[in-house]
Amino acid sequence: MSDRVLLIEDDPRLAEMVKSYLGEAGFSVTIASKGIAGIAAQAREAFDALILDLMLPDMDGLEVCRRIRAQADTPILMLTARGEAMDRVVGLELGADDYLAKPFEPRELLARLRAILRRGKSDRKSEVLRFGRLEIDVDARQARLDGEICPLTSYQFELLLTLARHAGRVRSREAIMDSLKNQRLEAFDRSIDVHISRIRAAIEDDPKKPRRVITVRGAGYLFAKAQD
């Protein structure tokens, strides 16, 4: 399977050139022409690496880097036409893995991209949350019950994950929606209830008598810390 790259770049000619060149090298490239669109794409899909231009029309690329890094550890290669070293320093401090100044040679872009991908794959450790018979594999984005994959949508997996990361604590609907604000869940309380019912159908032995995702009346939901 080819590595998936998200290119956040507002120059259409450059974006298409990079997409074509990386495509010939075996990469699958998705283009976002604005920062907010790039943030949404990263939250919606799993990419292996990001190429991020610091000069974007709707928001500063450094802010895009900060927001994406707060959500994921996807390797980030910054593109900058700025001459000031401080921008590169700030970008690296915000979590970017490398930078490349414009104009650049496509071969150097490819080499740097492959380098951050190698580092990312060697540094990445599999994160699996275990609760009795239920396993939540963060990297694979799968929940498994007794070793069998539970049928969950991407949104439902993220909802389950945010509950599991706060196991033993009640999470209000507002807190859940805030955690998933980039997942395009409908901004209504009832939508959370619908997704919870589908999660229960996938992970509970008896969805009508849930023991893993518990409703706390008037407060929200609690993911049980101790499970069989």
Protein backbone atom coordinates (compact mmCIF):
# COMPACT_ATOMS: atom_id res chain seq x y z
CA MET A 1 0.00 0.00 0.00
CA SER A 2 1.36 3.45 -0.95
CA ASP A 3 2.05 6.05 1.72
CA ARG A 4 -0.67 8.69 1.91
CA VAL A 5 0.46 12.31 1.96
CA LEU A 6 -1.60 15.42 2.69
CA LEU A 7 -0.25 18.49 0.87
CA ILE A 8 -1.49 21.80 2.30
CA GLU A 9 -0.51 24.29 -0.39
CA ASP A 10 -2.44 27.19 -1.94
CA ASP A 11 -0.40 27.49 -5.16
CA PRO A 12 -2.33 25.22 -7.57
CA ARG A 13 0.52 24.85 -10.06
CA LEU A 14 3.02 23.89 -7.39
CA ALA A 15 0.53 21.58 -5.69
CA GLU A 16 -0.20 19.71 -8.93
CA MET A 17 3.52 19.47 -9.74
CA VAL A 18 4.28 18.00 -6.31
CA LYS A 19 1.30 15.64 -6.51
CA SER A 20 2.40 14.40 -9.94
CA TYR A 21 6.04 13.95 -8.93
CA LEU A 22 5.24 12.16 -5.68
CA GLY A 23 2.60 10.09 -7.48
CA GLU A 24 5.26 8.81 -9.86
CA ALA A 25 7.35 7.92 -6.80
CA GLY A 26 4.52 5.77 -5.44
CA PHE A 27 2.77 8.17 -3.06
CA SER A 28 -0.94 8.92 -2.88
CA VAL A 29 -1.33 12.68 -2.48
CA THR A 30 -4.38 14.66 -1.30
CA ILE A 31 -4.31 18.44 -1.78
CA ALA A 32 -5.84 21.02 0.58
CA SER A 33 -5.55 24.63 -0.61
CA LYS A 34 -6.33 26.24 2.75
CA GLY A 35 -5.23 25.70 6.33
CA ILE A 36 -8.68 24.98 7.75
CA ALA A 37 -9.34 22.46 4.98
CA GLY A 38 -6.04 20.75 5.77
CA ILE A 39 -6.87 20.53 9.48
CA ALA A 40 -10.26 19.02 8.65
CA ALA A 41 -8.74 16.52 6.21
CA GLN A 42 -6.15 15.41 8.77
CA ALA A 43 -8.87 14.92 11.39
CA ARG A 44 -11.05 12.99 8.94
CA GLU A 45 -8.49 10.69 7.34
CA ALA A 46 -5.30 8.87 8.31
CA PHE A 47 -2.25 10.23 6.47
CA ASP A 48 1.31 8.95 6.73
CA ALA A 49 2.86 12.40 6.31
CA LEU A 50 1.99 16.06 5.76
CA ILE A 51 3.65 18.65 3.56
CA LEU A 52 2.67 22.06 4.89
CA ASP A 53 3.23 25.46 3.29
CA LEU A 54 3.70 28.19 5.91
CA MET A 55 2.17 30.90 3.68
CA LEU A 56 -1.55 30.11 3.42
CA PRO A 57 -4.43 32.46 2.51
CA ASP A 58 -6.73 31.82 5.48
CA MET A 59 -4.42 31.20 8.44
CA ASP A 60 -0.75 31.09 9.35
CA GLY A 61 0.93 27.79 8.56
CA LEU A 62 2.52 27.79 12.00
CA GLU A 63 -0.96 27.80 13.54
CA VAL A 64 -1.97 24.95 11.23
CA CYS A 65 1.09 23.03 12.40
CA ARG A 66 0.23 23.66 16.05
CA ARG A 67 -3.36 22.51 15.67
CA ILE A 68 -2.48 19.38 13.73
CA ARG A 69 0.29 18.46 16.14
CA ALA A 70 -2.20 18.76 19.02
CA GLN A 71 -4.31 16.06 17.34
CA ALA A 72 -1.78 13.67 15.82
CA ASP A 73 1.90 12.77 15.58
CA THR A 74 1.88 12.53 11.78
CA PRO A 75 5.30 13.57 10.36
CA ILE A 76 5.23 17.14 9.03
CA LEU A 77 7.51 18.64 6.38
CA MET A 78 7.21 22.43 6.19
CA LEU A 79 7.59 24.42 2.98
CA THR A 80 8.57 28.06 3.38
CA ALA A 81 9.43 30.96 1.15
CA ARG A 82 10.32 33.03 4.16
CA GLY A 83 13.96 33.89 4.67
CA GLU A 84 13.88 34.33 8.41
CA ALA A 85 15.38 31.49 10.38
CA MET A 86 12.99 32.21 13.27
CA ASP A 87 10.02 30.86 11.29
CA ARG A 88 11.81 27.58 10.79
CA VAL A 89 12.82 27.44 14.45
CA VAL A 90 9.26 28.12 15.62
CA GLY A 91 7.91 25.53 13.21
CA LEU A 92 10.28 22.88 14.51
CA GLU A 93 9.44 23.82 18.09
CA LEU A 94 5.73 23.44 17.28
CA GLY A 95 6.37 19.86 16.18
CA ALA A 96 7.34 19.93 12.50
CA ASP A 97 9.88 17.25 11.62
CA ASP A 98 11.79 19.08 8.87
CA TYR A 99 11.61 22.10 6.59
CA LEU A 100 12.42 22.88 2.98
CA ALA A 101 12.83 26.39 1.57
CA LYS A 102 11.20 27.44 -1.70
CA PRO A 103 12.13 27.15 -4.48
CA PHE A 104 13.21 23.55 -4.08
CA GLU A 105 14.24 20.61 -6.22
CA PRO A 106 11.56 17.90 -6.34
CA ARG A 107 14.24 15.29 -5.68
CA GLU A 108 15.16 16.99 -2.41
CA LEU A 109 11.50 17.15 -1.40
CA LEU A 110 11.19 13.42 -2.07
CA ALA A 111 14.36 12.65 -0.12
CA ARG A 112 13.26 14.69 2.90
CA LEU A 113 9.77 13.20 2.79
CA ARG A 114 11.16 9.67 2.76
CA ALA A 115 13.51 10.56 5.64
CA ILE A 116 10.75 11.82 7.96
CA LEU A 117 8.61 8.80 7.05
CA ARG A 118 11.45 6.45 8.01
CA ARG A 119 11.98 8.27 11.30
CA GLY A 120 8.27 8.29 12.02
CA LYS A 121 7.90 4.58 11.40
CA SER A 122 10.94 3.71 13.52
CA ASP A 123 9.81 5.97 16.39
CA ARG A 124 6.15 4.99 16.32
CA LYS A 125 5.07 2.63 19.06
CA SER A 126 1.85 0.74 18.86
CA GLU A 127 -0.69 2.03 21.38
CA VAL A 128 -3.30 -0.46 22.48
CA LEU A 129 -5.73 0.26 25.32
CA ARG A 130 -6.90 -2.92 27.04
CA PHE A 131 -10.05 -3.29 29.11
CA GLY A 132 -10.63 -6.95 29.87
CA ARG A 133 -11.82 -8.65 26.68
CA LEU A 134 -11.96 -5.33 24.82
CA GLU A 135 -8.89 -3.90 23.05
CA ILE A 136 -8.71 -0.50 21.42
CA ASP A 137 -5.86 -0.35 18.91
CA VAL A 138 -5.16 3.35 18.42
CA ASP A 139 -2.75 2.99 15.48
CA ALA A 140 -4.89 0.48 13.59
CA ARG A 141 -8.04 2.43 14.53
CA GLN A 142 -9.78 -0.77 15.53
CA ALA A 143 -11.69 -2.01 18.55
CA ARG A 144 -11.55 -5.76 19.12
CA LEU A 145 -13.70 -7.84 21.43
CA ASP A 146 -12.32 -11.31 22.12
CA GLY A 147 -10.00 -10.72 19.17
CA GLU A 148 -12.84 -9.98 16.74
CA ILE A 149 -12.95 -6.55 15.07
CA CYS A 150 -15.95 -4.51 16.17
CA PRO A 151 -17.88 -2.82 13.32
CA LEU A 152 -17.40 0.89 14.03
CA THR A 153 -17.31 3.91 11.75
CA SER A 154 -14.39 6.32 12.01
CA TYR A 155 -16.51 8.72 14.06
CA GLN A 156 -17.67 5.98 16.40
CA PHE A 157 -14.11 4.78 16.92
CA GLU A 158 -13.02 8.33 17.83
CA LEU A 159 -15.96 8.66 20.21
CA LEU A 160 -15.11 5.35 21.87
CA LEU A 161 -11.45 6.33 22.08
CA THR A 162 -12.15 9.66 23.79
CA LEU A 163 -14.33 7.86 26.35
CA ALA A 164 -11.70 5.16 26.90
CA ARG A 165 -8.94 7.72 27.41
CA HIS A 166 -11.04 9.07 30.30
CA ALA A 167 -12.03 5.66 31.67
CA GLY A 168 -13.67 5.86 35.07
CA ARG A 169 -14.68 9.51 34.60
CA VAL A 170 -18.02 10.87 33.43
CA ARG A 171 -17.86 12.75 30.14
CA SER A 172 -20.66 15.18 29.36
CA ARG A 173 -22.11 15.41 25.86
CA GLU A 174 -20.57 18.87 25.56
CA ALA A 175 -17.11 17.55 26.48
CA ILE A 176 -17.47 14.71 23.99
CA MET A 177 -18.52 17.04 21.19
CA ASP A 178 -15.65 19.38 22.03
CA SER A 179 -13.19 16.46 21.78
CA LEU A 180 -14.67 15.47 18.43
CA LYS A 181 -15.21 18.97 17.02
CA ASN A 182 -13.06 18.16 13.98
CA GLN A 183 -14.83 14.85 13.30
CA ARG A 184 -17.93 16.43 11.73
CA LEU A 185 -20.35 15.00 14.24
CA GLU A 186 -23.68 16.81 14.18
CA ALA A 187 -23.73 19.44 16.90
CA PHE A 188 -26.77 18.07 18.66
CA ASP A 189 -26.92 16.06 21.88
CA ARG A 190 -29.13 13.41 20.32
CA SER A 191 -26.49 12.58 17.71
CA ILE A 192 -24.13 11.50 20.47
CA ASP A 193 -26.82 9.18 21.81
CA VAL A 194 -27.26 7.56 18.39
CA HIS A 195 -23.54 6.94 18.02
CA ILE A 196 -23.33 5.58 21.58
CA SER A 197 -26.13 3.10 20.86
CA ARG A 198 -24.23 1.86 17.80
CA ILE A 199 -21.02 1.57 19.77
CA ARG A 200 -22.87 -0.50 22.36
CA ALA A 201 -24.25 -2.75 19.65
CA ALA A 202 -20.66 -3.38 18.57
CA ILE A 203 -18.86 -3.83 21.91
CA GLU A 204 -21.41 -4.83 24.54
CA ASP A 205 -22.44 -8.41 25.26
CA ASP A 206 -25.98 -7.12 25.83
CA PRO A 207 -26.44 -3.60 24.37
CA LYS A 208 -29.66 -3.18 26.39
CA LYS A 209 -27.71 -3.75 29.61
CA PRO A 210 -24.39 -2.03 28.87
CA ARG A 211 -21.44 -2.66 31.16
CA ARG A 212 -18.75 -0.85 29.20
CA VAL A 213 -20.31 2.45 28.10
CA ILE A 214 -22.67 3.51 30.89
CA THR A 215 -25.18 6.34 30.87
CA VAL A 216 -24.99 8.62 33.90
CA ARG A 217 -28.39 10.28 33.94
CA GLY A 218 -28.21 14.05 33.66
CA ALA A 219 -24.40 14.02 33.40
CA GLY A 220 -23.26 12.11 30.32
CA TYR A 221 -21.42 8.85 29.75
CA LEU A 222 -18.84 6.85 31.64
CA PHE A 223 -16.50 4.26 30.17
CA ALA A 224 -16.03 1.51 32.78
CA LYS A 225 -12.44 1.14 33.92
CA ALA A 226 -12.88 -2.40 35.21
CA GLN A 227 -14.31 -4.82 32.65
CA ASP A 228 -14.55 -8.57 32.27
